[in-house]
Protein backbone atom coordinates (compact mmCIF):
# COMPACT_ATOMS: atom_id res chain seq x y z
CA MET A 1 17.25 123.31 105.25
CA GLU A 2 17.56 124.45 101.66
CA LEU A 3 19.25 127.58 100.89
CA LEU A 4 19.27 130.30 98.17
CA VAL A 5 22.26 132.52 97.89
CA ARG A 6 21.55 135.65 95.91
CA GLU A 7 22.49 139.24 95.33
CA ALA A 8 21.21 141.53 98.17
CA ARG A 9 18.20 143.84 97.14
CA LEU A 10 16.81 146.91 98.19
CA GLU A 11 13.85 145.11 99.82
CA ASP A 12 16.36 142.80 101.94
CA ALA A 13 17.36 145.89 104.19
CA ALA A 14 14.95 145.34 106.94
CA ALA A 15 16.06 141.62 107.27
CA ILE A 16 19.69 142.59 107.22
CA VAL A 17 19.35 145.19 109.88
CA GLY A 18 17.45 142.51 111.71
CA ILE A 19 20.22 140.24 111.56
CA LEU A 20 23.05 142.92 112.41
CA ASN A 21 21.48 144.97 114.96
CA PRO A 22 21.28 142.14 117.69
CA ILE A 23 24.83 141.07 116.74
CA ILE A 24 25.79 144.72 117.47
CA GLU A 25 23.53 144.95 120.52
CA ALA A 26 25.31 141.61 121.91
CA GLY A 27 28.60 143.66 121.93
CA LEU A 28 30.47 140.00 121.28
CA TYR A 29 30.79 139.46 117.87
CA SER A 30 31.60 142.37 115.79
CA ALA A 31 33.48 145.64 116.09
CA PHE A 32 30.26 147.37 114.67
CA ASP A 33 29.08 149.34 117.71
CA THR A 34 25.99 151.59 116.64
CA PRO A 35 22.78 149.99 115.45
CA LEU A 36 21.72 150.79 111.72
CA SER A 37 18.32 152.05 110.55
CA VAL A 38 16.64 150.40 107.64
CA GLU A 39 16.99 153.62 105.66
CA ALA A 40 20.85 153.79 106.17
CA GLU A 41 20.88 150.09 105.16
CA GLN A 42 18.94 151.01 101.83
CA ALA A 43 21.40 153.70 101.21
CA PHE A 44 24.28 151.48 101.64
CA ILE A 45 22.81 148.72 99.19
CA ARG A 46 21.76 151.77 96.63
CA GLY A 47 25.53 153.04 96.51
CA PHE A 48 27.16 149.65 96.75
CA ARG A 49 30.20 149.77 94.67
CA ALA A 50 30.08 147.75 91.36
CA ARG A 51 33.12 145.61 92.22
CA GLY A 52 31.56 144.76 95.44
CA ILE A 53 29.95 141.48 96.19
CA PHE A 54 26.86 141.40 98.52
CA HIS A 55 25.00 138.19 99.06
CA VAL A 56 22.07 137.19 101.12
CA ALA A 57 21.31 133.45 102.26
CA VAL A 58 17.54 132.95 102.07
CA ASP A 59 15.69 130.04 103.60
CA ARG A 60 13.79 128.38 100.42
CA ALA A 61 11.10 127.18 102.73
CA ASP A 62 9.95 130.58 104.20
CA HIS A 63 11.76 133.04 102.02
CA ARG A 64 13.54 134.55 105.21
CA VAL A 65 17.05 136.08 105.07
CA LEU A 66 19.16 134.32 107.64
CA ALA A 67 22.60 135.67 106.82
CA PHE A 68 24.56 137.91 104.47
CA GLN A 69 28.21 138.43 103.48
CA CYS A 70 29.61 141.50 101.98
CA LEU A 71 33.02 141.82 99.90
CA GLU A 72 34.24 145.23 99.04
CA PRO A 73 37.58 146.58 97.63
CA PHE A 74 40.32 146.87 100.26
CA ALA A 75 41.11 150.36 99.05
CA THR A 76 40.32 152.75 96.16
CA PHE A 77 42.83 155.42 96.47
CA THR A 78 45.12 153.09 94.18
CA HIS A 79 45.04 150.47 91.94
CA ALA A 80 48.10 148.63 93.90
CA PHE A 81 45.17 146.83 95.92
CA ASP A 82 42.65 145.90 93.32
CA HIS A 83 43.30 142.35 93.76
CA VAL A 84 42.31 142.54 97.38
CA GLY A 85 38.86 142.61 98.96
CA THR A 86 37.68 142.94 102.41
CA ILE A 87 35.05 140.39 103.71
CA GLY A 88 32.41 140.30 106.44
CA THR A 89 29.74 137.64 107.39
CA PHE A 90 26.91 137.81 109.38
CA VAL A 91 24.48 134.87 110.41
CA GLU A 92 21.45 135.47 112.42
CA LEU A 93 22.24 134.64 115.91
CA ALA A 94 19.50 131.81 116.21
CA SER A 95 20.58 130.19 112.70
CA ARG A 96 24.38 129.73 113.53
CA ARG A 97 26.20 126.44 112.93
CA ARG A 98 23.75 125.23 110.20
CA GLY A 99 26.18 125.46 107.34
CA ILE A 100 24.58 128.81 106.28
CA ALA A 101 28.07 130.61 106.16
CA ALA A 102 29.45 127.75 104.03
CA ALA A 103 26.98 128.44 101.28
CA LEU A 104 27.76 132.16 101.58
CA PHE A 105 31.67 131.68 101.35
CA ASP A 106 31.27 129.36 98.26
CA ALA A 107 29.07 131.87 96.46
CA THR A 108 31.26 134.85 97.40
CA PHE A 109 34.69 133.06 96.52
CA ASP A 110 33.19 132.31 92.95
CA ALA A 111 31.92 135.86 92.49
CA ALA A 112 35.17 137.27 93.85
CA ARG A 113 37.25 135.42 91.27
CA ARG A 114 35.12 136.56 88.41
CA LYS A 115 35.50 140.17 89.50
CA GLY A 116 39.27 139.63 89.57
CA TYR A 117 39.88 139.36 93.35
CA GLU A 118 43.12 137.16 94.38
CA LYS A 119 43.03 137.73 98.18
CA LEU A 120 40.52 138.29 100.65
CA PHE A 121 41.44 140.01 104.00
CA THR A 122 39.30 140.65 107.19
CA PHE A 123 39.76 141.13 110.95
CA VAL A 124 38.06 138.73 113.65
CA ARG A 125 37.42 139.81 117.07
CA ALA A 126 39.93 137.67 119.25
CA ASP A 127 37.27 136.87 121.63
CA ASN A 128 35.08 135.27 118.94
CA PRO A 129 36.61 132.03 118.31
CA ALA A 130 33.57 130.48 116.68
CA ALA A 131 33.95 133.19 113.87
CA LEU A 132 37.72 132.51 113.58
CA ALA A 133 37.19 128.82 113.32
CA THR A 134 34.53 129.52 110.53
CA TYR A 135 36.78 131.71 108.52
CA ARG A 136 39.86 129.07 109.09
CA LYS A 137 37.47 126.37 107.94
CA HIS A 138 36.99 128.25 104.72
CA GLY A 139 40.65 128.63 104.10
CA PHE A 140 41.66 131.79 105.89
CA ALA A 141 45.00 131.99 107.66
CA ILE A 142 46.16 133.96 110.51
CA VAL A 143 48.54 136.80 109.62
CA GLY A 144 48.87 138.60 113.02
CA THR A 145 46.96 140.30 115.82
CA ALA A 146 46.25 143.94 116.08
CA ARG A 147 46.23 144.53 119.93
CA ARG A 148 43.70 146.88 121.55
CA HIS A 149 42.25 147.38 117.98
CA ALA A 150 38.79 147.96 118.77
CA LYS A 151 37.08 149.84 121.85
CA ILE A 152 33.68 148.47 122.44
CA ASN A 153 31.80 149.83 125.42
CA GLY A 154 34.92 151.07 126.84
CA ALA A 155 36.75 147.89 126.75
CA TYR A 156 39.54 147.13 124.27
CA VAL A 157 39.45 144.24 122.06
CA ASP A 158 42.01 142.53 120.14
CA GLU A 159 41.50 141.67 116.36
CA ILE A 160 42.90 138.77 114.53
CA ILE A 161 43.93 139.62 111.09
CA ILE A 162 43.17 136.88 108.49
CA GLU A 163 43.76 136.49 104.70
CA ARG A 164 42.65 133.82 101.96
CA PHE A 165 44.06 133.55 98.69
CA LEU A 166 41.62 132.54 96.02
C-alpha cells in the first residue's frame, strides 16, 4: 500500500470520525468515551492551534483516510512547557499492523522538530499492549503508570505514561 501523509483538512472530518467512533465504541483502545459528530470534528479542525500538528494517512489507491495523528502543545498557561507536545495516534481498526502508524510518526516527528518541540508525551491504556508496543517501537519510553486513571464504562483503567525526546 502506498500512503500519503498530509495535514488534516476540514473535508476529512467525516473520515476521522469514521475512524475514531468505532474505536470509542469498542471501549478497549482509548480513554475517549463519547462518540463525536462530524460537526464537532469540523469545529476542532477549524480551531486547531497553529503550533499543533494534525496529520492524516491516506491510501493513494482509493484516497481513503486510514489513520490520523494529532500533536498539540502540552500546556498553554505557561511557556515552561513550550518544548513539550502531547500526541495521539488512531488507525482504522481494519487497517492496523500495516505500517500506517510508522508513516504518521515519521511525518509528525519531522514537523514537531520544525515547530520547536523537543519532547512528546502521552498516555496509553495499560490494557492496550499493541498501542504501547507501537509507541515503544517509535522511540517512546515508559515513565510510569497512572493507576485507576481512566474510568471507562464504570471500570477503572490504568494508563501508562510515555515520552520520547526528539
